[in-house]
Amino acid sequence: IVLDCGSKTLSSDLVRGPGPRPGHGAVLEALHASQPDESLIIERLSEEHAVVRLLGPSALKPGALVRVVPNHACVVANLVDHAWLVDGDRVVERLPITARGRIA
């Protein structure tokens, strides 16, 4: 599976710490879900795309929108125009990134 996100939006950091989740982020079970789809592992990144390994059955269909939680979002703020603030499955606000492209 190839996703339209890569190291520029997910960062290339692998998961660290006590969590068992491997890969470069977590693909959530559904667009409005908060739990990761355990059958999908983001195992490789290019700058613009993520390659996902399928470990078992998944409800994901070609062309579907997905929600990905990156392992590390700090480096991403310079590369996106806005971020979405969410509370569970509810979008709270669209937050403009005023520092976009302002790295010195």
N, C-alpha and C. Protein backbone atom coordinates (compact mmCIF):
# COMPACT_ATOMS: atom_id res chain seq x y z
N ILE A 1 0.86 -1.16 0.00
CA ILE A 1 0.00 0.00 0.00
C ILE A 1 0.91 1.22 0.00
N VAL A 2 0.55 2.23 -0.81
CA VAL A 2 1.31 3.48 -0.85
C VAL A 2 0.40 4.61 -0.41
N LEU A 3 0.87 5.40 0.56
CA LEU A 3 0.12 6.55 1.05
C LEU A 3 0.74 7.84 0.52
N ASP A 4 -0.09 8.85 0.31
CA ASP A 4 0.36 10.15 -0.16
C ASP A 4 0.85 10.99 1.02
N CYS A 5 1.86 10.49 1.70
CA CYS A 5 2.55 11.20 2.78
C CYS A 5 3.90 10.51 2.91
N GLY A 6 4.90 11.25 3.27
CA GLY A 6 6.23 10.67 3.39
C GLY A 6 7.01 11.33 4.50
N SER A 7 8.33 11.35 4.35
CA SER A 7 9.18 11.90 5.41
C SER A 7 8.96 13.39 5.62
N LYS A 8 8.45 14.10 4.62
CA LYS A 8 8.19 15.53 4.79
C LYS A 8 6.99 15.79 5.69
N THR A 9 6.07 14.86 5.79
CA THR A 9 4.91 15.06 6.66
C THR A 9 4.88 14.13 7.86
N LEU A 10 5.61 13.04 7.82
CA LEU A 10 5.63 12.11 8.94
C LEU A 10 6.93 12.15 9.72
N SER A 11 7.96 12.74 9.19
CA SER A 11 9.34 12.70 9.66
C SER A 11 9.86 11.27 9.48
N SER A 12 11.14 11.11 9.51
CA SER A 12 11.71 9.77 9.32
C SER A 12 12.00 9.06 10.64
N ASP A 13 11.59 9.66 11.75
CA ASP A 13 11.83 9.05 13.06
C ASP A 13 11.02 7.78 13.23
N LEU A 14 11.70 6.76 13.71
CA LEU A 14 11.00 5.53 14.08
C LEU A 14 10.48 5.68 15.50
N VAL A 15 9.54 4.83 15.88
CA VAL A 15 8.95 4.91 17.22
C VAL A 15 10.03 4.63 18.27
N ARG A 16 9.94 5.35 19.38
CA ARG A 16 10.87 5.16 20.50
C ARG A 16 10.05 5.02 21.78
N GLY A 17 10.67 4.48 22.79
CA GLY A 17 9.99 4.39 24.07
C GLY A 17 9.33 3.05 24.29
N PRO A 18 8.39 2.99 25.24
CA PRO A 18 7.84 1.71 25.68
C PRO A 18 6.80 1.11 24.74
N GLY A 19 6.31 1.85 23.74
CA GLY A 19 5.25 1.34 22.89
C GLY A 19 5.69 0.23 21.97
N PRO A 20 4.83 -0.74 21.71
CA PRO A 20 5.17 -1.87 20.85
C PRO A 20 5.01 -1.57 19.36
N ARG A 21 4.50 -0.40 19.01
CA ARG A 21 4.16 -0.08 17.63
C ARG A 21 5.41 0.19 16.79
N PRO A 22 5.73 -0.64 15.80
CA PRO A 22 6.87 -0.39 14.91
C PRO A 22 6.48 0.59 13.81
N GLY A 23 7.46 1.06 13.08
CA GLY A 23 7.19 1.86 11.89
C GLY A 23 7.32 3.36 12.10
N HIS A 24 6.87 4.11 11.09
CA HIS A 24 7.04 5.56 11.02
C HIS A 24 5.76 6.31 11.39
N GLY A 25 4.87 5.71 12.10
CA GLY A 25 3.62 6.34 12.48
C GLY A 25 2.54 5.28 12.54
N ALA A 26 1.34 5.70 12.85
CA ALA A 26 0.23 4.76 12.97
C ALA A 26 -0.90 5.18 12.04
N VAL A 27 -1.35 4.24 11.22
CA VAL A 27 -2.55 4.44 10.40
C VAL A 27 -3.73 4.07 11.28
N LEU A 28 -4.66 5.00 11.47
CA LEU A 28 -5.80 4.72 12.34
C LEU A 28 -6.81 3.81 11.64
N GLU A 29 -7.62 3.11 12.43
CA GLU A 29 -8.57 2.12 11.91
C GLU A 29 -9.55 2.71 10.91
N ALA A 30 -9.95 3.94 11.12
CA ALA A 30 -10.89 4.62 10.23
C ALA A 30 -10.58 6.11 10.31
N LEU A 31 -11.13 6.87 9.39
CA LEU A 31 -10.84 8.30 9.33
C LEU A 31 -11.16 9.01 10.63
N HIS A 32 -12.20 8.55 11.34
CA HIS A 32 -12.58 9.19 12.59
C HIS A 32 -12.30 8.32 13.81
N ALA A 33 -11.37 7.39 13.68
CA ALA A 33 -11.02 6.50 14.78
C ALA A 33 -9.84 7.05 15.57
N SER A 34 -9.62 6.52 16.74
CA SER A 34 -8.46 6.92 17.53
C SER A 34 -7.51 5.75 17.79
N GLN A 35 -7.88 4.55 17.33
CA GLN A 35 -7.04 3.37 17.53
C GLN A 35 -6.30 3.02 16.24
N PRO A 36 -5.04 2.61 16.34
CA PRO A 36 -4.30 2.22 15.13
C PRO A 36 -4.83 0.93 14.53
N ASP A 37 -4.74 0.84 13.21
CA ASP A 37 -5.06 -0.39 12.50
C ASP A 37 -3.83 -1.29 12.62
N GLU A 38 -3.89 -2.29 13.46
CA GLU A 38 -2.75 -3.16 13.75
C GLU A 38 -2.30 -3.97 12.53
N SER A 39 -3.10 -4.02 11.48
CA SER A 39 -2.71 -4.78 10.29
C SER A 39 -1.87 -3.95 9.32
N LEU A 40 -1.65 -2.66 9.61
CA LEU A 40 -0.90 -1.78 8.72
C LEU A 40 0.34 -1.23 9.42
N ILE A 41 1.51 -1.42 8.81
CA ILE A 41 2.77 -0.93 9.35
C ILE A 41 3.42 -0.04 8.30
N ILE A 42 3.67 1.22 8.65
CA ILE A 42 4.38 2.13 7.74
C ILE A 42 5.86 1.78 7.85
N GLU A 43 6.36 1.02 6.85
CA GLU A 43 7.72 0.50 6.99
C GLU A 43 8.78 1.26 6.21
N ARG A 44 8.42 2.02 5.17
CA ARG A 44 9.41 2.77 4.40
C ARG A 44 8.83 4.12 3.99
N LEU A 45 9.72 5.11 3.88
CA LEU A 45 9.30 6.44 3.46
C LEU A 45 10.21 6.96 2.35
N SER A 46 9.61 7.65 1.40
CA SER A 46 10.36 8.54 0.53
C SER A 46 9.97 9.93 1.02
N GLU A 47 10.41 10.98 0.33
CA GLU A 47 10.03 12.32 0.79
C GLU A 47 8.52 12.55 0.71
N GLU A 48 7.86 11.98 -0.29
CA GLU A 48 6.45 12.27 -0.54
C GLU A 48 5.50 11.09 -0.32
N HIS A 49 6.02 9.87 -0.15
CA HIS A 49 5.15 8.70 -0.05
C HIS A 49 5.58 7.77 1.08
N ALA A 50 4.61 7.05 1.61
CA ALA A 50 4.85 6.04 2.64
C ALA A 50 4.46 4.68 2.07
N VAL A 51 5.31 3.69 2.31
CA VAL A 51 5.01 2.32 1.90
C VAL A 51 4.55 1.57 3.14
N VAL A 52 3.36 0.98 3.05
CA VAL A 52 2.72 0.32 4.18
C VAL A 52 2.66 -1.19 3.90
N ARG A 53 3.09 -1.96 4.88
CA ARG A 53 3.00 -3.42 4.79
C ARG A 53 1.70 -3.86 5.43
N LEU A 54 0.99 -4.72 4.75
CA LEU A 54 -0.28 -5.27 5.24
C LEU A 54 0.01 -6.58 5.95
N LEU A 55 -0.31 -6.65 7.25
CA LEU A 55 -0.04 -7.85 8.06
C LEU A 55 -1.23 -8.79 8.16
N GLY A 56 -2.40 -8.30 7.78
CA GLY A 56 -3.62 -9.09 7.89
C GLY A 56 -4.76 -8.35 7.22
N PRO A 57 -5.98 -8.80 7.42
CA PRO A 57 -7.13 -8.13 6.81
C PRO A 57 -7.25 -6.68 7.24
N SER A 58 -7.63 -5.83 6.31
CA SER A 58 -7.85 -4.42 6.60
C SER A 58 -9.06 -3.95 5.82
N ALA A 59 -9.80 -3.01 6.37
CA ALA A 59 -10.96 -2.45 5.68
C ALA A 59 -10.56 -1.35 4.70
N LEU A 60 -9.28 -1.02 4.63
CA LEU A 60 -8.79 0.05 3.76
C LEU A 60 -9.00 -0.30 2.30
N LYS A 61 -9.58 0.65 1.55
CA LYS A 61 -9.86 0.46 0.12
C LYS A 61 -9.01 1.44 -0.69
N PRO A 62 -8.66 1.09 -1.95
CA PRO A 62 -7.90 2.01 -2.79
C PRO A 62 -8.60 3.37 -2.92
N GLY A 63 -7.82 4.43 -2.78
CA GLY A 63 -8.36 5.78 -2.88
C GLY A 63 -8.96 6.33 -1.61
N ALA A 64 -9.01 5.53 -0.56
CA ALA A 64 -9.63 5.97 0.70
C ALA A 64 -8.76 7.02 1.39
N LEU A 65 -9.41 7.92 2.10
CA LEU A 65 -8.69 8.85 2.96
C LEU A 65 -8.32 8.13 4.24
N VAL A 66 -7.12 8.37 4.74
CA VAL A 66 -6.69 7.76 5.99
C VAL A 66 -6.19 8.84 6.92
N ARG A 67 -6.17 8.52 8.19
CA ARG A 67 -5.63 9.41 9.20
C ARG A 67 -4.40 8.73 9.77
N VAL A 68 -3.26 9.44 9.70
CA VAL A 68 -1.99 8.89 10.16
C VAL A 68 -1.48 9.76 11.30
N VAL A 69 -1.08 9.13 12.38
CA VAL A 69 -0.47 9.83 13.50
C VAL A 69 1.04 9.63 13.40
N PRO A 70 1.79 10.73 13.17
CA PRO A 70 3.25 10.58 13.04
C PRO A 70 3.91 10.30 14.38
N ASN A 71 5.10 9.70 14.34
CA ASN A 71 5.86 9.45 15.55
C ASN A 71 6.42 10.73 16.15
N HIS A 72 6.73 11.68 15.30
CA HIS A 72 7.36 12.93 15.75
C HIS A 72 6.90 14.04 14.82
N ALA A 73 6.18 15.01 15.36
CA ALA A 73 5.59 16.05 14.53
C ALA A 73 6.35 17.37 14.53
N CYS A 74 7.32 17.55 15.41
CA CYS A 74 8.02 18.85 15.52
C CYS A 74 8.66 19.28 14.21
N VAL A 75 9.32 18.37 13.53
CA VAL A 75 10.03 18.74 12.30
C VAL A 75 9.08 19.01 11.14
N VAL A 76 7.85 18.61 11.27
CA VAL A 76 6.88 18.73 10.19
C VAL A 76 6.27 20.12 10.10
N ALA A 77 6.24 20.87 11.18
CA ALA A 77 5.55 22.16 11.21
C ALA A 77 6.06 23.14 10.16
N ASN A 78 7.31 23.05 9.79
CA ASN A 78 7.87 23.93 8.77
C ASN A 78 7.41 23.55 7.37
N LEU A 79 6.82 22.39 7.20
CA LEU A 79 6.53 21.88 5.86
C LEU A 79 5.06 21.80 5.51
N VAL A 80 4.18 22.22 6.41
CA VAL A 80 2.75 22.19 6.12
C VAL A 80 2.12 23.55 6.37
N ASP A 81 1.03 23.85 5.68
CA ASP A 81 0.36 25.14 5.81
C ASP A 81 -0.55 25.23 7.03
N HIS A 82 -1.08 24.08 7.46
CA HIS A 82 -1.96 24.08 8.62
C HIS A 82 -1.97 22.69 9.26
N ALA A 83 -2.41 22.65 10.51
CA ALA A 83 -2.59 21.40 11.24
C ALA A 83 -4.04 21.32 11.69
N TRP A 84 -4.54 20.12 11.84
CA TRP A 84 -5.90 19.91 12.32
C TRP A 84 -5.84 19.51 13.77
N LEU A 85 -6.54 20.22 14.62
CA LEU A 85 -6.65 19.85 16.03
C LEU A 85 -7.89 18.98 16.18
N VAL A 86 -7.72 17.81 16.77
CA VAL A 86 -8.84 16.88 16.92
C VAL A 86 -8.98 16.46 18.38
N ASP A 87 -10.19 16.12 18.72
CA ASP A 87 -10.52 15.58 20.04
C ASP A 87 -11.29 14.30 19.79
N GLY A 88 -10.59 13.16 19.89
CA GLY A 88 -11.22 11.88 19.54
C GLY A 88 -11.52 11.86 18.06
N ASP A 89 -12.79 11.73 17.71
CA ASP A 89 -13.15 11.70 16.29
C ASP A 89 -13.71 13.04 15.80
N ARG A 90 -13.59 14.08 16.62
CA ARG A 90 -14.15 15.39 16.27
C ARG A 90 -13.04 16.38 15.93
N VAL A 91 -13.15 17.02 14.74
CA VAL A 91 -12.22 18.08 14.37
C VAL A 91 -12.60 19.33 15.16
N VAL A 92 -11.66 19.85 15.92
CA VAL A 92 -11.90 21.01 16.77
C VAL A 92 -11.59 22.30 16.03
N GLU A 93 -10.46 22.31 15.31
CA GLU A 93 -10.03 23.55 14.69
C GLU A 93 -8.97 23.28 13.63
N ARG A 94 -8.93 24.14 12.63
CA ARG A 94 -7.84 24.14 11.65
C ARG A 94 -6.87 25.24 12.09
N LEU A 95 -5.65 24.86 12.39
CA LEU A 95 -4.66 25.77 12.94
C LEU A 95 -3.64 26.14 11.87
N PRO A 96 -3.58 27.43 11.46
CA PRO A 96 -2.58 27.82 10.47
C PRO A 96 -1.16 27.73 11.08
N ILE A 97 -0.21 27.31 10.29
CA ILE A 97 1.19 27.24 10.72
C ILE A 97 1.87 28.51 10.22
N THR A 98 1.98 29.51 11.07
CA THR A 98 2.52 30.79 10.66
C THR A 98 4.03 30.75 10.43
N ALA A 99 4.70 29.74 10.95
CA ALA A 99 6.14 29.60 10.74
C ALA A 99 6.45 28.82 9.47
N ARG A 100 5.45 28.49 8.68
CA ARG A 100 5.63 27.69 7.46
C ARG A 100 6.72 28.30 6.57
N GLY A 101 7.75 27.50 6.30
CA GLY A 101 8.81 27.91 5.39
C GLY A 101 9.75 28.98 5.93
N ARG A 102 9.71 29.23 7.22
CA ARG A 102 10.51 30.32 7.78
C ARG A 102 11.78 29.83 8.49
N ILE A 103 12.22 28.62 8.16
CA ILE A 103 13.43 28.11 8.78
C ILE A 103 14.63 28.93 8.30
N ALA A 104 15.51 29.23 9.21
CA ALA A 104 16.69 30.07 8.85
C ALA A 104 17.91 29.20 8.66
